Structure formats: C-alpha cells, structure tokens
Amino acid sequence: DGTSALANGASQWITAEAARTDGHAWRKRAGAILTGIG
C-alpha cells in the first residue's frame, strides 16, 4: 500500500534479507551513492 515508513519513522526492515542483499548489488554497480541529511 505504498508505505515506506510508519508514522513514527520506523522502516527497518520492510523488505526481507534477499531484497536488501540485492539492493547492495545495485549499490556496488554505482559510482556514487546519494542521501540527504534527514
């Protein structure tokens, strides 16, 4: 239903370990990773 974090900010972990590992593979192929101060 499109929720990325609960109203209290909790977001770890919505997806399971396989998806998190796959996400790191996409991190690996990038030249840089960007995030915000928040």
Full PDB file with SEQRES, HELIX, SHEET, SSBOND, CRYST1, ORIGX, SCALE, CONECT and MASTER records, all heavy atoms in Angstrom:
SEQRES   1 A   38  ASP GLY THR SER ALA LEU ALA ASN GLY ALA SER GLN TRP          
SEQRES   2 A   38  ILE THR ALA GLU ALA ALA ARG THR ASP GLY HIS ALA TRP          
SEQRES   3 A   38  ARG LYS ARG ALA GLY ALA ILE LEU THR GLY ILE GLY              
HELIX    1 AA1 GLU A   17  ARG A   29  1                                  13    
CRYST1    1.000    1.000    1.000  90.00  90.00  90.00 P 1           1          
ORIGX1      1.000000  0.000000  0.000000        0.00000                         
ORIGX2      0.000000  1.000000  0.000000        0.00000                         
ORIGX3      0.000000  0.000000  1.000000        0.00000                         
SCALE1      1.000000  0.000000  0.000000        0.00000                         
SCALE2      0.000000  1.000000  0.000000        0.00000                         
SCALE3      0.000000  0.000000  1.000000        0.00000                         
ATOM      1  N   ASP A   1       0.817  -1.215   0.000  1.00  0.00           N  
ATOM      2  CA  ASP A   1       0.000   0.000   0.000  1.00  0.00           C  
ATOM      3  C   ASP A   1       0.851   1.267   0.000  1.00  0.00           C  
ATOM      4  O   ASP A   1       0.374   2.353   0.329  1.00  0.00           O  
ATOM      5  CB  ASP A   1      -1.000   0.011   1.162  1.00  0.00           C  
ATOM      6  CG  ASP A   1      -0.366  -0.314   2.507  1.00  0.00           C  
ATOM      7  OD1 ASP A   1       0.818  -0.699   2.534  1.00  0.00           O  
ATOM      8  OD2 ASP A   1      -1.059  -0.196   3.535  1.00  0.00           O  
ATOM      9  N   GLY A   2       2.125   1.147  -0.383  1.00  0.00           N  
ATOM     10  CA  GLY A   2       2.961   2.318  -0.638  1.00  0.00           C  
ATOM     11  C   GLY A   2       3.557   2.988   0.568  1.00  0.00           C  
ATOM     12  O   GLY A   2       4.041   4.115   0.474  1.00  0.00           O  
ATOM     13  N   THR A   3       3.585   2.322   1.715  1.00  0.00           N  
ATOM     14  CA  THR A   3       4.169   2.910   2.916  1.00  0.00           C  
ATOM     15  C   THR A   3       5.656   2.575   2.986  1.00  0.00           C  
ATOM     16  O   THR A   3       6.037   1.404   2.971  1.00  0.00           O  
ATOM     17  CB  THR A   3       3.459   2.389   4.183  1.00  0.00           C  
ATOM     18  OG1 THR A   3       2.087   2.805   4.152  1.00  0.00           O  
ATOM     19  CG2 THR A   3       4.112   2.924   5.438  1.00  0.00           C  
ATOM     20  N   SER A   4       6.486   3.605   3.058  1.00  0.00           N  
ATOM     21  CA  SER A   4       7.932   3.397   3.141  1.00  0.00           C  
ATOM     22  C   SER A   4       8.440   3.459   4.568  1.00  0.00           C  
ATOM     23  O   SER A   4       9.558   3.032   4.858  1.00  0.00           O  
ATOM     24  CB  SER A   4       8.669   4.439   2.295  1.00  0.00           C  
ATOM     25  OG  SER A   4       8.442   5.751   2.797  1.00  0.00           O  
ATOM     26  N   ALA A   5       7.636   4.005   5.472  1.00  0.00           N  
ATOM     27  CA  ALA A   5       7.982   4.059   6.892  1.00  0.00           C  
ATOM     28  C   ALA A   5       6.698   4.330   7.667  1.00  0.00           C  
ATOM     29  O   ALA A   5       5.770   4.972   7.158  1.00  0.00           O  
ATOM     30  CB  ALA A   5       9.008   5.152   7.174  1.00  0.00           C  
ATOM     31  N   LEU A   6       6.647   3.837   8.885  1.00  0.00           N  
ATOM     32  CA  LEU A   6       5.479   4.108   9.727  1.00  0.00           C  
ATOM     33  C   LEU A   6       5.454   5.574  10.140  1.00  0.00           C  
ATOM     34  O   LEU A   6       6.437   6.300   9.970  1.00  0.00           O  
ATOM     35  CB  LEU A   6       5.514   3.208  10.964  1.00  0.00           C  
ATOM     36  CG  LEU A   6       5.484   1.701  10.711  1.00  0.00           C  
ATOM     37  CD1 LEU A   6       5.492   0.942  12.031  1.00  0.00           C  
ATOM     38  CD2 LEU A   6       4.280   1.297   9.862  1.00  0.00           C  
ATOM     39  N   ALA A   7       4.356   6.006  10.687  1.00  0.00           N  
ATOM     40  CA  ALA A   7       4.210   7.401  11.089  1.00  0.00           C  
ATOM     41  C   ALA A   7       5.249   7.801  12.131  1.00  0.00           C  
ATOM     42  O   ALA A   7       5.645   8.963  12.214  1.00  0.00           O  
ATOM     43  CB  ALA A   7       2.801   7.646  11.629  1.00  0.00           C  
ATOM     44  N   ASN A   8       5.712   6.820  12.924  1.00  0.00           N  
ATOM     45  CA  ASN A   8       6.739   7.119  13.934  1.00  0.00           C  
ATOM     46  C   ASN A   8       8.153   7.046  13.376  1.00  0.00           C  
ATOM     47  O   ASN A   8       9.130   7.177  14.108  1.00  0.00           O  
ATOM     48  CB  ASN A   8       6.609   6.167  15.128  1.00  0.00           C  
ATOM     49  CG  ASN A   8       6.823   4.704  14.738  1.00  0.00           C  
ATOM     50  OD1 ASN A   8       7.220   4.399  13.606  1.00  0.00           O  
ATOM     51  ND2 ASN A   8       6.556   3.803  15.670  1.00  0.00           N  
ATOM     52  N   GLY A   9       8.281   6.806  12.040  1.00  0.00           N  
ATOM     53  CA  GLY A   9       9.579   6.776  11.394  1.00  0.00           C  
ATOM     54  C   GLY A   9      10.184   5.400  11.237  1.00  0.00           C  
ATOM     55  O   GLY A   9      11.196   5.243  10.535  1.00  0.00           O  
ATOM     56  N   ALA A  10       9.629   4.378  11.859  1.00  0.00           N  
ATOM     57  CA  ALA A  10      10.184   3.031  11.775  1.00  0.00           C  
ATOM     58  C   ALA A  10      10.106   2.501  10.350  1.00  0.00           C  
ATOM     59  O   ALA A  10       9.044   2.538   9.720  1.00  0.00           O  
ATOM     60  CB  ALA A  10       9.437   2.095  12.727  1.00  0.00           C  
ATOM     61  N   SER A  11      11.244   1.999   9.828  1.00  0.00           N  
ATOM     62  CA  SER A  11      11.264   1.489   8.460  1.00  0.00           C  
ATOM     63  C   SER A  11      12.143   0.257   8.294  1.00  0.00           C  
ATOM     64  O   SER A  11      12.274  -0.261   7.186  1.00  0.00           O  
ATOM     65  CB  SER A  11      11.758   2.585   7.500  1.00  0.00           C  
ATOM     66  OG  SER A  11      13.086   2.976   7.821  1.00  0.00           O  
ATOM     67  N   GLN A  12      12.780  -0.211   9.351  1.00  0.00           N  
ATOM     68  CA  GLN A  12      13.664  -1.371   9.251  1.00  0.00           C  
ATOM     69  C   GLN A  12      13.020  -2.580   9.925  1.00  0.00           C  
ATOM     70  O   GLN A  12      12.746  -2.530  11.126  1.00  0.00           O  
ATOM     71  CB  GLN A  12      15.011  -1.072   9.916  1.00  0.00           C  
ATOM     72  CG  GLN A  12      15.799   0.039   9.208  1.00  0.00           C  
ATOM     73  CD  GLN A  12      17.135   0.303   9.869  1.00  0.00           C  
ATOM     74  OE1 GLN A  12      17.309   0.094  11.067  1.00  0.00           O  
ATOM     75  NE2 GLN A  12      18.086   0.775   9.096  1.00  0.00           N  
ATOM     76  N   TRP A  13      12.771  -3.672   9.214  1.00  0.00           N  
ATOM     77  CA  TRP A  13      13.002  -3.763   7.782  1.00  0.00           C  
ATOM     78  C   TRP A  13      11.677  -4.075   7.113  1.00  0.00           C  
ATOM     79  O   TRP A  13      10.982  -5.023   7.510  1.00  0.00           O  
ATOM     80  CB  TRP A  13      14.020  -4.860   7.458  1.00  0.00           C  
ATOM     81  CG  TRP A  13      15.359  -4.630   8.044  1.00  0.00           C  
ATOM     82  CD1 TRP A  13      15.862  -5.165   9.196  1.00  0.00           C  
ATOM     83  CD2 TRP A  13      16.386  -3.800   7.511  1.00  0.00           C  
ATOM     84  NE1 TRP A  13      17.136  -4.717   9.401  1.00  0.00           N  
ATOM     85  CE2 TRP A  13      17.485  -3.883   8.382  1.00  0.00           C  
ATOM     86  CE3 TRP A  13      16.485  -2.985   6.380  1.00  0.00           C  
ATOM     87  CZ2 TRP A  13      18.662  -3.182   8.152  1.00  0.00           C  
ATOM     88  CZ3 TRP A  13      17.652  -2.297   6.149  1.00  0.00           C  
ATOM     89  CH2 TRP A  13      18.720  -2.399   7.028  1.00  0.00           C  
ATOM     90  N   ILE A  14      11.306  -3.303   6.085  1.00  0.00           N  
ATOM     91  CA  ILE A  14      10.082  -3.571   5.347  1.00  0.00           C  
ATOM     92  C   ILE A  14      10.274  -4.786   4.451  1.00  0.00           C  
ATOM     93  O   ILE A  14       9.416  -5.658   4.373  1.00  0.00           O  
ATOM     94  CB  ILE A  14       9.671  -2.327   4.528  1.00  0.00           C  
ATOM     95  CG1 ILE A  14       9.191  -1.219   5.471  1.00  0.00           C  
ATOM     96  CG2 ILE A  14       8.579  -2.678   3.528  1.00  0.00           C  
ATOM     97  CD1 ILE A  14       8.818   0.064   4.772  1.00  0.00           C  
ATOM     98  N   THR A  15      11.407  -4.860   3.774  1.00  0.00           N  
ATOM     99  CA  THR A  15      11.698  -5.979   2.885  1.00  0.00           C  
ATOM    100  C   THR A  15      12.563  -7.016   3.597  1.00  0.00           C  
ATOM    101  O   THR A  15      13.149  -6.747   4.646  1.00  0.00           O  
ATOM    102  CB  THR A  15      12.416  -5.493   1.617  1.00  0.00           C  
ATOM    103  OG1 THR A  15      13.587  -4.751   1.994  1.00  0.00           O  
ATOM    104  CG2 THR A  15      11.509  -4.596   0.791  1.00  0.00           C  
ATOM    105  N   ALA A  16      12.663  -8.197   2.995  1.00  0.00           N  
ATOM    106  CA  ALA A  16      13.414  -9.293   3.586  1.00  0.00           C  
ATOM    107  C   ALA A  16      14.889  -9.224   3.181  1.00  0.00           C  
ATOM    108  O   ALA A  16      15.311  -8.375   2.394  1.00  0.00           O  
ATOM    109  CB  ALA A  16      12.801 -10.625   3.168  1.00  0.00           C  
ATOM    110  N   GLU A  17      15.664 -10.161   3.708  1.00  0.00           N  
ATOM    111  CA  GLU A  17      17.117 -10.138   3.526  1.00  0.00           C  
ATOM    112  C   GLU A  17      17.535 -10.238   2.066  1.00  0.00           C  
ATOM    113  O   GLU A  17      18.475  -9.568   1.633  1.00  0.00           O  
ATOM    114  CB  GLU A  17      17.751 -11.279   4.318  1.00  0.00           C  
ATOM    115  CG  GLU A  17      19.269 -11.297   4.256  1.00  0.00           C  
ATOM    116  CD  GLU A  17      19.872 -12.396   5.106  1.00  0.00           C  
ATOM    117  OE1 GLU A  17      19.112 -13.085   5.816  1.00  0.00           O  
ATOM    118  OE2 GLU A  17      21.109 -12.573   5.052  1.00  0.00           O  
ATOM    119  N   ALA A  18      16.839 -11.048   1.279  1.00  0.00           N  
ATOM    120  CA  ALA A  18      17.213 -11.210  -0.131  1.00  0.00           C  
ATOM    121  C   ALA A  18      17.122  -9.885  -0.880  1.00  0.00           C  
ATOM    122  O   ALA A  18      17.994  -9.558  -1.698  1.00  0.00           O  
ATOM    123  CB  ALA A  18      16.326 -12.262  -0.796  1.00  0.00           C  
ATOM    124  N   ALA A  19      16.077  -9.110  -0.617  1.00  0.00           N  
ATOM    125  CA  ALA A  19      15.912  -7.817  -1.278  1.00  0.00           C  
ATOM    126  C   ALA A  19      16.980  -6.837  -0.819  1.00  0.00           C  
ATOM    127  O   ALA A  19      17.496  -6.042  -1.615  1.00  0.00           O  
ATOM    128  CB  ALA A  19      14.523  -7.261  -1.008  1.00  0.00           C  
ATOM    129  N   ARG A  20      17.331  -6.879   0.458  1.00  0.00           N  
ATOM    130  CA  ARG A  20      18.373  -5.978   0.960  1.00  0.00           C  
ATOM    131  C   ARG A  20      19.724  -6.314   0.334  1.00  0.00           C  
ATOM    132  O   ARG A  20      20.498  -5.411  -0.015  1.00  0.00           O  
ATOM    133  CB  ARG A  20      18.449  -6.044   2.486  1.00  0.00           C  
ATOM    134  CG  ARG A  20      17.154  -5.590   3.163  1.00  0.00           C  
ATOM    135  CD  ARG A  20      17.357  -5.280   4.635  1.00  0.00           C  
ATOM    136  NE  ARG A  20      17.746  -6.446   5.413  1.00  0.00           N  
ATOM    137  CZ  ARG A  20      16.892  -7.289   5.971  1.00  0.00           C  
ATOM    138  NH1 ARG A  20      15.592  -7.133   5.793  1.00  0.00           N  
ATOM    139  NH2 ARG A  20      17.321  -8.297   6.711  1.00  0.00           N  
ATOM    140  N   THR A  21      20.011  -7.602   0.182  1.00  0.00           N  
ATOM    141  CA  THR A  21      21.258  -8.013  -0.471  1.00  0.00           C  
ATOM    142  C   THR A  21      21.266  -7.573  -1.929  1.00  0.00           C  
ATOM    143  O   THR A  21      22.274  -7.084  -2.442  1.00  0.00           O  
ATOM    144  CB  THR A  21      21.431  -9.535  -0.382  1.00  0.00           C  
ATOM    145  OG1 THR A  21      21.474  -9.919   0.996  1.00  0.00           O  
ATOM    146  CG2 THR A  21      22.718  -9.983  -1.064  1.00  0.00           C  
ATOM    147  N   ASP A  22      20.144  -7.724  -2.600  1.00  0.00           N  
ATOM    148  CA  ASP A  22      20.027  -7.297  -3.994  1.00  0.00           C  
ATOM    149  C   ASP A  22      20.242  -5.794  -4.110  1.00  0.00           C  
ATOM    150  O   ASP A  22      20.893  -5.311  -5.045  1.00  0.00           O  
ATOM    151  CB  ASP A  22      18.654  -7.677  -4.543  1.00  0.00           C  
ATOM    152  CG  ASP A  22      18.542  -7.471  -6.039  1.00  0.00           C  
ATOM    153  OD1 ASP A  22      19.173  -8.228  -6.784  1.00  0.00           O  
ATOM    154  OD2 ASP A  22      17.827  -6.531  -6.460  1.00  0.00           O  
ATOM    155  N   GLY A  23      19.731  -5.048  -3.136  1.00  0.00           N  
ATOM    156  CA  GLY A  23      19.933  -3.598  -3.146  1.00  0.00           C  
ATOM    157  C   GLY A  23      21.394  -3.225  -3.040  1.00  0.00           C  
ATOM    158  O   GLY A  23      21.857  -2.259  -3.663  1.00  0.00           O  
ATOM    159  N   HIS A  24      22.179  -4.000  -2.279  1.00  0.00           N  
ATOM    160  CA  HIS A  24      23.607  -3.734  -2.165  1.00  0.00           C  
ATOM    161  C   HIS A  24      24.328  -4.045  -3.472  1.00  0.00           C  
ATOM    162  O   HIS A  24      25.347  -3.412  -3.792  1.00  0.00           O  
ATOM    163  CB  HIS A  24      24.206  -4.537  -1.008  1.00  0.00           C  
ATOM    164  CG  HIS A  24      24.057  -3.851   0.315  1.00  0.00           C  
ATOM    165  ND1 HIS A  24      25.128  -3.511   1.105  1.00  0.00           N  
ATOM    166  CD2 HIS A  24      22.951  -3.422   0.978  1.00  0.00           C  
ATOM    167  CE1 HIS A  24      24.702  -2.910   2.204  1.00  0.00           C  
ATOM    168  NE2 HIS A  24      23.371  -2.851   2.147  1.00  0.00           N  
ATOM    169  N   ALA A  25      23.821  -5.004  -4.239  1.00  0.00           N  
ATOM    170  CA  ALA A  25      24.409  -5.282  -5.550  1.00  0.00           C  
ATOM    171  C   ALA A  25      24.223  -4.085  -6.483  1.00  0.00           C  
ATOM    172  O   ALA A  25      25.114  -3.764  -7.284  1.00  0.00           O  
ATOM    173  CB  ALA A  25      23.778  -6.536  -6.158  1.00  0.00           C  
ATOM    174  N   TRP A  26      23.082  -3.405  -6.361  1.00  0.00           N  
ATOM    175  CA  TRP A  26      22.867  -2.203  -7.166  1.00  0.00           C  
ATOM    176  C   TRP A  26      23.734  -1.052  -6.646  1.00  0.00           C  
ATOM    177  O   TRP A  26      24.203  -0.227  -7.425  1.00  0.00           O  
ATOM    178  CB  TRP A  26      21.389  -1.817  -7.161  1.00  0.00           C  
ATOM    179  CG  TRP A  26      20.564  -2.727  -8.002  1.00  0.00           C  
ATOM    180  CD1 TRP A  26      19.924  -3.869  -7.622  1.00  0.00           C  
ATOM    181  CD2 TRP A  26      20.311  -2.579  -9.405  1.00  0.00           C  
ATOM    182  NE1 TRP A  26      19.289  -4.437  -8.682  1.00  0.00           N  
ATOM    183  CE2 TRP A  26      19.497  -3.679  -9.788  1.00  0.00           C  
ATOM    184  CE3 TRP A  26      20.677  -1.642 -10.362  1.00  0.00           C  
ATOM    185  CZ2 TRP A  26      19.054  -3.843 -11.107  1.00  0.00           C  
ATOM    186  CZ3 TRP A  26      20.227  -1.803 -11.663  1.00  0.00           C  
ATOM    187  CH2 TRP A  26      19.431  -2.900 -12.025  1.00  0.00           C  
ATOM    188  N   ARG A  27      23.938  -0.988  -5.344  1.00  0.00           N  
ATOM    189  CA  ARG A  27      24.886  -0.002  -4.804  1.00  0.00           C  
ATOM    190  C   ARG A  27      26.273  -0.225  -5.410  1.00  0.00           C  
ATOM    191  O   ARG A  27      26.962   0.711  -5.801  1.00  0.00           O  
ATOM    192  CB  ARG A  27      24.997  -0.139  -3.286  1.00  0.00           C  
ATOM    193  CG  ARG A  27      23.882   0.451  -2.464  1.00  0.00           C  
ATOM    194  CD  ARG A  27      24.232   0.353  -0.979  1.00  0.00           C  
ATOM    195  NE  ARG A  27      23.197   0.873  -0.096  1.00  0.00           N  
ATOM    196  CZ  ARG A  27      23.306   0.971   1.211  1.00  0.00           C  
ATOM    197  NH1 ARG A  27      24.423   0.558   1.800  1.00  0.00           N  
ATOM    198  NH2 ARG A  27      22.322   1.458   1.939  1.00  0.00           N  
ATOM    199  N   LYS A  28      26.662  -1.488  -5.469  1.00  0.00           N  
ATOM    200  CA  LYS A  28      28.008  -1.844  -5.935  1.00  0.00           C  
ATOM    201  C   LYS A  28      28.261  -1.357  -7.363  1.00  0.00           C  
ATOM    202  O   LYS A  28      29.369  -0.904  -7.685  1.00  0.00           O  
ATOM    203  CB  LYS A  28      28.179  -3.359  -5.852  1.00  0.00           C  
ATOM    204  CG  LYS A  28      29.475  -3.887  -6.431  1.00  0.00           C  
ATOM    205  CD  LYS A  28      29.535  -5.414  -6.361  1.00  0.00           C  
ATOM    206  CE  LYS A  28      30.786  -5.951  -7.029  1.00  0.00           C  
ATOM    207  NZ  LYS A  28      30.865  -7.432  -6.939  1.00  0.00           N  
ATOM    208  N   ARG A  29      27.261  -1.437  -8.228  1.00  0.00           N  
ATOM    209  CA  ARG A  29      27.481  -1.076  -9.625  1.00  0.00           C  
ATOM    210  C   ARG A  29      27.535   0.439  -9.840  1.00  0.00           C  
ATOM    211  O   ARG A  29      27.962   0.915 -10.880  1.00  0.00           O  
ATOM    212  CB  ARG A  29      26.445  -1.727 -10.534  1.00  0.00           C  
ATOM    213  CG  ARG A  29      25.118  -1.015 -10.663  1.00  0.00           C  
ATOM    214  CD  ARG A  29      24.273  -1.615 -11.791  1.00  0.00           C  
ATOM    215  NE  ARG A  29      24.343  -0.822 -13.021  1.00  0.00           N  
ATOM    216  CZ  ARG A  29      23.882  -1.221 -14.197  1.00  0.00           C  
ATOM    217  NH1 ARG A  29      23.359  -2.416 -14.327  1.00  0.00           N  
ATOM    218  NH2 ARG A  29      23.954  -0.444 -15.264  1.00  0.00           N  
ATOM    219  N   ALA A  30      27.105   1.208  -8.848  1.00  0.00           N  
ATOM    220  CA  ALA A  30      27.069   2.667  -8.988  1.00  0.00           C  
ATOM    221  C   ALA A  30      28.433   3.283  -8.685  1.00  0.00           C  
ATOM    222  O   ALA A  30      29.231   2.742  -7.924  1.00  0.00           O  
ATOM    223  CB  ALA A  30      26.017   3.260  -8.061  1.00  0.00           C  
ATOM    224  N   GLY A  31      28.672   4.450  -9.278  1.00  0.00           N  
ATOM    225  CA  GLY A  31      29.888   5.190  -8.974  1.00  0.00           C  
ATOM    226  C   GLY A  31      29.775   5.973  -7.687  1.00  0.00           C  
ATOM    227  O   GLY A  31      30.774   6.271  -7.033  1.00  0.00           O  
ATOM    228  N   ALA A  32      28.532   6.307  -7.296  1.00  0.00           N  
ATOM    229  CA  ALA A  32      28.311   7.078  -6.073  1.00  0.00           C  
ATOM    230  C   ALA A  32      26.928   6.771  -5.530  1.00  0.00           C  
ATOM    231  O   ALA A  32      26.017   6.396  -6.270  1.00  0.00           O  
ATOM    232  CB  ALA A  32      28.447   8.576  -6.344  1.00  0.00           C  
ATOM    233  N   ILE A  33      26.780   6.929  -4.203  1.00  0.00           N  
ATOM    234  CA  ILE A  33      25.505   6.731  -3.522  1.00  0.00           C  
ATOM    235  C   ILE A  33      25.139   8.040  -2.833  1.00  0.00           C  
ATOM    236  O   ILE A  33      25.958   8.617  -2.123  1.00  0.00           O  
ATOM    237  CB  ILE A  33      25.601   5.608  -2.475  1.00  0.00           C  
ATOM    238  CG1 ILE A  33      26.130   4.320  -3.107  1.00  0.00           C  
ATOM    239  CG2 ILE A  33      24.248   5.361  -1.835  1.00  0.00           C  
ATOM    240  CD1 ILE A  33      26.409   3.221  -2.099  1.00  0.00           C  
ATOM    241  N   LEU A  34      23.914   8.500  -3.053  1.00  0.00           N  
ATOM    242  CA  LEU A  34      23.487   9.792  -2.525  1.00  0.00           C  
ATOM    243  C   LEU A  34      22.358   9.623  -1.517  1.00  0.00           C  
ATOM    244  O   LEU A  34      21.445   8.821  -1.707  1.00  0.00           O  
ATOM    245  CB  LEU A  34      23.027  10.697  -3.668  1.00  0.00           C  
ATOM    246  CG  LEU A  34      22.524  12.091  -3.290  1.00  0.00           C  
ATOM    247  CD1 LEU A  34      22.961  13.127  -4.322  1.00  0.00           C  
ATOM    248  CD2 LEU A  34      20.984  12.120  -3.175  1.00  0.00           C  
ATOM    249  N   THR A  35      22.422  10.426  -0.451  1.00  0.00           N  
ATOM    250  CA  THR A  35      21.329  10.509   0.512  1.00  0.00           C  
ATOM    251  C   THR A  35      21.239  11.932   1.034  1.00  0.00           C  
ATOM    252  O   THR A  35      22.053  12.794   0.682  1.00  0.00           O  
ATOM    253  CB  THR A  35      21.529   9.495   1.667  1.00  0.00           C  
ATOM    254  OG1 THR A  35      20.288   9.364   2.373  1.00  0.00           O  
ATOM    255  CG2 THR A  35      22.611   9.960   2.625  1.00  0.00           C  
ATOM    256  N   GLY A  36      20.241  12.177   1.896  1.00  0.00           N  
ATOM    257  CA  GLY A  36      20.045  13.507   2.459  1.00  0.00           C  
ATOM    258  C   GLY A  36      20.343  13.536   3.939  1.00  0.00           C  
ATOM    259  O   GLY A  36      20.388  12.496   4.608  1.00  0.00           O  
ATOM    260  N   ILE A  37      20.509  14.712   4.474  1.00  0.00           N  
ATOM    261  CA  ILE A  37      20.870  14.864   5.883  1.00  0.00           C  
ATOM    262  C   ILE A  37      19.753  14.351   6.792  1.00  0.00           C  
ATOM    263  O   ILE A  37      20.035  13.850   7.900  1.00  0.00           O  
ATOM    264  CB  ILE A  37      21.202  16.348   6.205  1.00  0.00           C  
ATOM    265  CG1 ILE A  37      21.744  16.473   7.630  1.00  0.00           C  
ATOM    266  CG2 ILE A  37      19.992  17.239   5.964  1.00  0.00           C  
ATOM    267  CD1 ILE A  37      23.004  15.690   7.907  1.00  0.00           C  
ATOM    268  N   GLY A  38      18.510  14.413   6.357  1.00  0.00           N  
ATOM    269  CA  GLY A  38      17.423  13.893   7.180  1.00  0.00           C  
ATOM    270  C   GLY A  38      17.587  12.415   7.458  1.00  0.00           C  
ATOM    271  O   GLY A  38      17.419  11.956   8.598  1.00  0.00           O  
TER     272      GLY A  38                                                      
MASTER        0    0    0    1    0    0    0    6  271    1    0    3          
END                                                                             
